Amino acid sequence: YITLRIQIILKVQERFGYKDFITNNLWEDTIVKLSKNFHLSEMTKSQTAERMGLNNSPNEDQVENLRLLCERVLQPVRDHFNDVITISSGFRDIILSEKIGSSRKSQHCRGEAADFEIFGTANNEVADWIKQNLMFDQLILEYFEPGQPNSGWIHVSYTKEINANRKEYLMALKKDGKVEYKPILGLSTDRYAK
């Protein structure tokens, strides 16, 4: 398993030009940097996968999608807010996705999506900044409650086909035990202005 993972990582490094991130230590190289502050390990970590003994390793194309997500969305957010981004969910293998009750069609399964927070910064403030400043496919303010700035989390996705990015900004709410997605027109702060 480790040998296969190292082979995939080395192929990705060679194919996509990760020469800036390669050291002379093969074991250090397994910690692939996807951008200045993001590593493959944090984008694939899953306690559920570890507990269930599932392989949550992306293939070369999925790693490239994760790199683009990090370079074009997550790293600019990190740079702007100058604070650590905590990834709660990045890449998910199809089996893992289904085990946690998500879909095999989720963009997480293609390496195109991440769920995250910046602790101490209101999630709607971060989401609004992304909407105003970056290209993205979907941006979802998940379970955010006005007046509770750190409630919920942010889901963001990015596709490598730039024209395919929909710039869809949504709010996920639970109603009668079911998840509802509602569009946010303008900014989330506009929607909650009293």
Protein backbone atom coordinates (compact mmCIF):
# COMPACT_ATOMS: atom_id res chain seq x y z
CA TYR A 1 0.00 0.00 0.00
CA ILE A 2 2.75 2.49 0.96
CA THR A 3 4.86 1.50 -2.05
CA LEU A 4 1.89 2.03 -4.38
CA ARG A 5 1.18 5.42 -2.80
CA ILE A 6 4.82 6.48 -3.24
CA GLN A 7 4.75 5.39 -6.90
CA ILE A 8 1.58 7.42 -7.55
CA ILE A 9 3.01 10.45 -5.77
CA LEU A 10 6.26 10.29 -7.73
CA LYS A 11 4.32 9.99 -11.02
CA VAL A 12 2.22 13.01 -10.07
CA GLN A 13 5.32 14.99 -9.14
CA GLU A 14 6.91 14.13 -12.48
CA ARG A 15 3.77 14.71 -14.58
CA PHE A 16 2.69 18.00 -13.04
CA GLY A 17 6.06 19.55 -12.26
CA TYR A 18 6.25 19.44 -8.48
CA LYS A 19 10.02 19.89 -8.67
CA ASP A 20 9.83 22.84 -6.22
CA PHE A 21 8.45 20.50 -3.60
CA ILE A 22 10.77 17.52 -4.06
CA THR A 23 13.49 16.94 -1.47
CA ASN A 24 16.30 14.40 -1.50
CA ASN A 25 14.40 12.30 1.05
CA LEU A 26 11.92 9.88 -0.55
CA TRP A 27 9.86 9.69 2.67
CA GLU A 28 9.56 13.49 2.85
CA ASP A 29 8.45 13.49 -0.78
CA THR A 30 5.43 11.39 0.14
CA ILE A 31 4.14 14.53 1.85
CA VAL A 32 3.26 16.19 -1.45
CA LYS A 33 2.65 19.90 -1.35
CA LEU A 34 -0.33 20.88 -3.48
CA SER A 35 0.32 24.59 -2.95
CA LYS A 36 2.39 26.77 -0.63
CA ASN A 37 0.42 25.81 2.50
CA PHE A 38 -1.56 22.69 1.55
CA HIS A 39 -0.43 19.06 1.52
CA LEU A 40 -1.95 15.98 -0.05
CA SER A 41 -2.11 14.29 3.36
CA GLU A 42 -4.53 16.88 4.82
CA MET A 43 -6.72 16.72 1.71
CA THR A 44 -7.07 12.92 1.96
CA LYS A 45 -7.17 12.37 5.73
CA SER A 46 -10.26 10.55 6.96
CA GLN A 47 -10.79 9.10 10.40
CA THR A 48 -13.68 7.04 9.01
CA ALA A 49 -11.44 5.53 6.31
CA GLU A 50 -8.77 4.74 8.92
CA ARG A 51 -11.29 3.12 11.29
CA MET A 52 -12.83 1.04 8.48
CA GLY A 53 -9.50 0.15 6.85
CA LEU A 54 -10.47 1.87 3.58
CA ASN A 55 -7.92 3.13 1.06
CA ASN A 56 -8.56 6.84 0.54
CA SER A 57 -5.74 7.44 -1.94
CA PRO A 58 -6.49 9.53 -5.04
CA ASN A 59 -5.22 8.69 -8.50
CA GLU A 60 -3.11 11.09 -10.60
CA ASP A 61 -6.09 12.97 -12.08
CA GLN A 62 -7.71 13.36 -8.67
CA VAL A 63 -4.43 14.68 -7.23
CA GLU A 64 -4.25 17.20 -10.07
CA ASN A 65 -7.83 18.31 -9.28
CA LEU A 66 -6.86 18.73 -5.62
CA ARG A 67 -3.83 20.78 -6.67
CA LEU A 68 -6.01 23.11 -8.74
CA LEU A 69 -8.52 23.46 -5.89
CA CYS A 70 -5.70 24.36 -3.50
CA GLU A 71 -3.87 26.71 -5.87
CA ARG A 72 -6.91 28.55 -7.20
CA VAL A 73 -9.24 28.64 -4.19
CA LEU A 74 -7.87 27.48 -0.84
CA GLN A 75 -4.42 29.11 -1.07
CA PRO A 76 -5.82 32.53 -2.07
CA VAL A 77 -8.23 32.29 0.88
CA ARG A 78 -5.32 31.38 3.19
CA ASP A 79 -3.23 34.26 1.84
CA HIS A 80 -6.04 36.81 2.13
CA PHE A 81 -7.11 35.93 5.68
CA ASN A 82 -3.51 35.14 6.73
CA ASP A 83 -4.72 32.34 8.94
CA VAL A 84 -4.75 28.54 9.02
CA ILE A 85 -7.52 26.78 7.11
CA THR A 86 -8.76 23.60 8.76
CA ILE A 87 -9.90 21.02 6.20
CA SER A 88 -12.65 18.79 7.59
CA SER A 89 -13.20 16.88 4.34
CA GLY A 90 -11.27 16.85 1.07
CA PHE A 91 -10.89 13.90 -1.26
CA ARG A 92 -13.19 10.92 -0.63
CA ASP A 93 -12.93 7.59 -2.38
CA ILE A 94 -16.31 6.46 -3.75
CA ILE A 95 -16.63 3.72 -1.13
CA LEU A 96 -15.81 6.14 1.69
CA SER A 97 -18.28 8.67 0.31
CA GLU A 98 -21.08 6.11 0.34
CA LYS A 99 -20.10 4.85 3.83
CA ILE A 100 -20.57 8.35 5.28
CA GLY A 101 -23.94 8.75 3.57
CA SER A 102 -22.79 10.96 0.70
CA SER A 103 -23.04 10.32 -3.03
CA ARG A 104 -20.59 8.56 -5.33
CA LYS A 105 -21.19 11.55 -7.65
CA SER A 106 -19.93 14.04 -5.05
CA GLN A 107 -17.20 16.37 -6.29
CA HIS A 108 -15.20 15.20 -3.26
CA CYS A 109 -14.80 11.86 -5.10
CA ARG A 110 -13.14 13.63 -8.04
CA GLY A 111 -10.83 15.69 -5.83
CA GLU A 112 -12.70 18.86 -6.79
CA ALA A 113 -14.16 19.82 -3.39
CA ALA A 114 -13.23 20.56 0.21
CA ASP A 115 -15.09 21.45 3.39
CA PHE A 116 -13.23 23.84 5.66
CA GLU A 117 -13.23 26.57 8.31
CA ILE A 118 -10.95 29.33 9.51
CA PHE A 119 -11.46 29.28 13.26
CA GLY A 120 -12.02 32.78 14.60
CA THR A 121 -13.31 34.15 11.27
CA ALA A 122 -17.03 34.07 10.50
CA ASN A 123 -17.79 31.43 7.87
CA ASN A 124 -20.12 33.77 5.99
CA GLU A 125 -17.38 36.42 5.81
CA VAL A 126 -14.99 33.89 4.24
CA ALA A 127 -17.66 32.58 1.85
CA ASP A 128 -18.62 36.11 0.77
CA TRP A 129 -14.95 36.92 0.08
CA ILE A 130 -14.64 33.80 -2.09
CA LYS A 131 -17.79 34.76 -4.01
CA GLN A 132 -16.47 38.27 -4.69
CA ASN A 133 -12.88 37.37 -5.53
CA LEU A 134 -12.41 33.84 -6.85
CA MET A 135 -13.61 31.43 -9.51
CA PHE A 136 -15.40 28.37 -8.12
CA ASP A 137 -18.00 25.83 -9.13
CA GLN A 138 -20.08 25.55 -5.96
CA LEU A 139 -19.80 27.50 -2.74
CA ILE A 140 -22.06 26.29 0.04
CA LEU A 141 -22.45 27.90 3.43
CA GLU A 142 -23.37 24.73 5.31
CA TYR A 143 -25.58 24.99 8.40
CA PHE A 144 -24.56 28.57 9.12
CA GLU A 145 -26.70 30.36 11.71
CA PRO A 146 -26.79 34.17 11.68
CA GLY A 147 -25.41 35.57 14.91
CA GLN A 148 -23.18 32.49 15.37
CA PRO A 149 -20.19 33.32 13.15
CA ASN A 150 -18.40 29.98 13.58
CA SER A 151 -21.46 27.81 13.08
CA GLY A 152 -21.39 25.33 10.22
CA TRP A 153 -18.62 25.18 7.63
CA ILE A 154 -17.84 26.11 4.03
CA HIS A 155 -17.97 23.68 1.09
CA VAL A 156 -16.19 24.86 -2.05
CA SER A 157 -15.52 23.12 -5.34
CA TYR A 158 -13.51 23.96 -8.44
CA THR A 159 -13.36 22.21 -11.81
CA LYS A 160 -10.36 22.33 -14.11
CA GLU A 161 -12.54 23.35 -17.07
CA ILE A 162 -12.76 27.04 -16.17
CA ASN A 163 -15.92 27.65 -18.22
CA ALA A 164 -17.63 24.79 -16.37
CA ASN A 165 -17.35 26.58 -13.02
CA ARG A 166 -20.92 27.70 -12.27
CA LYS A 167 -20.21 30.18 -9.44
CA GLU A 168 -23.24 28.75 -7.63
CA TYR A 169 -23.57 30.20 -4.09
CA LEU A 170 -25.88 28.24 -1.79
CA MET A 171 -27.00 27.91 1.82
CA ALA A 172 -27.55 24.43 3.24
CA LEU A 173 -30.22 24.27 5.95
CA LYS A 174 -31.89 21.43 7.79
CA LYS A 175 -35.68 21.53 7.65
CA ASP A 176 -37.89 18.73 8.98
CA GLY A 177 -34.84 16.45 9.14
CA LYS A 178 -33.93 17.00 5.48
CA VAL A 179 -31.23 19.15 3.92
CA GLU A 180 -32.44 22.04 1.78
CA TYR A 181 -30.20 24.05 -0.53
CA LYS A 182 -31.23 27.65 -1.18
CA PRO A 183 -29.44 30.10 -3.44
CA ILE A 184 -27.77 33.10 -1.85
CA LEU A 185 -28.35 36.12 -4.05
CA GLY A 186 -25.71 38.77 -3.54
CA LEU A 187 -23.76 38.16 -0.36
CA SER A 188 -24.75 36.22 2.73
CA THR A 189 -24.42 39.41 4.74
CA ASP A 190 -27.01 41.06 2.45
CA ARG A 191 -29.40 38.20 3.02
CA TYR A 192 -29.19 38.58 6.78
CA ALA A 193 -29.29 42.37 6.96
CA LYS A 194 -32.11 43.32 9.31
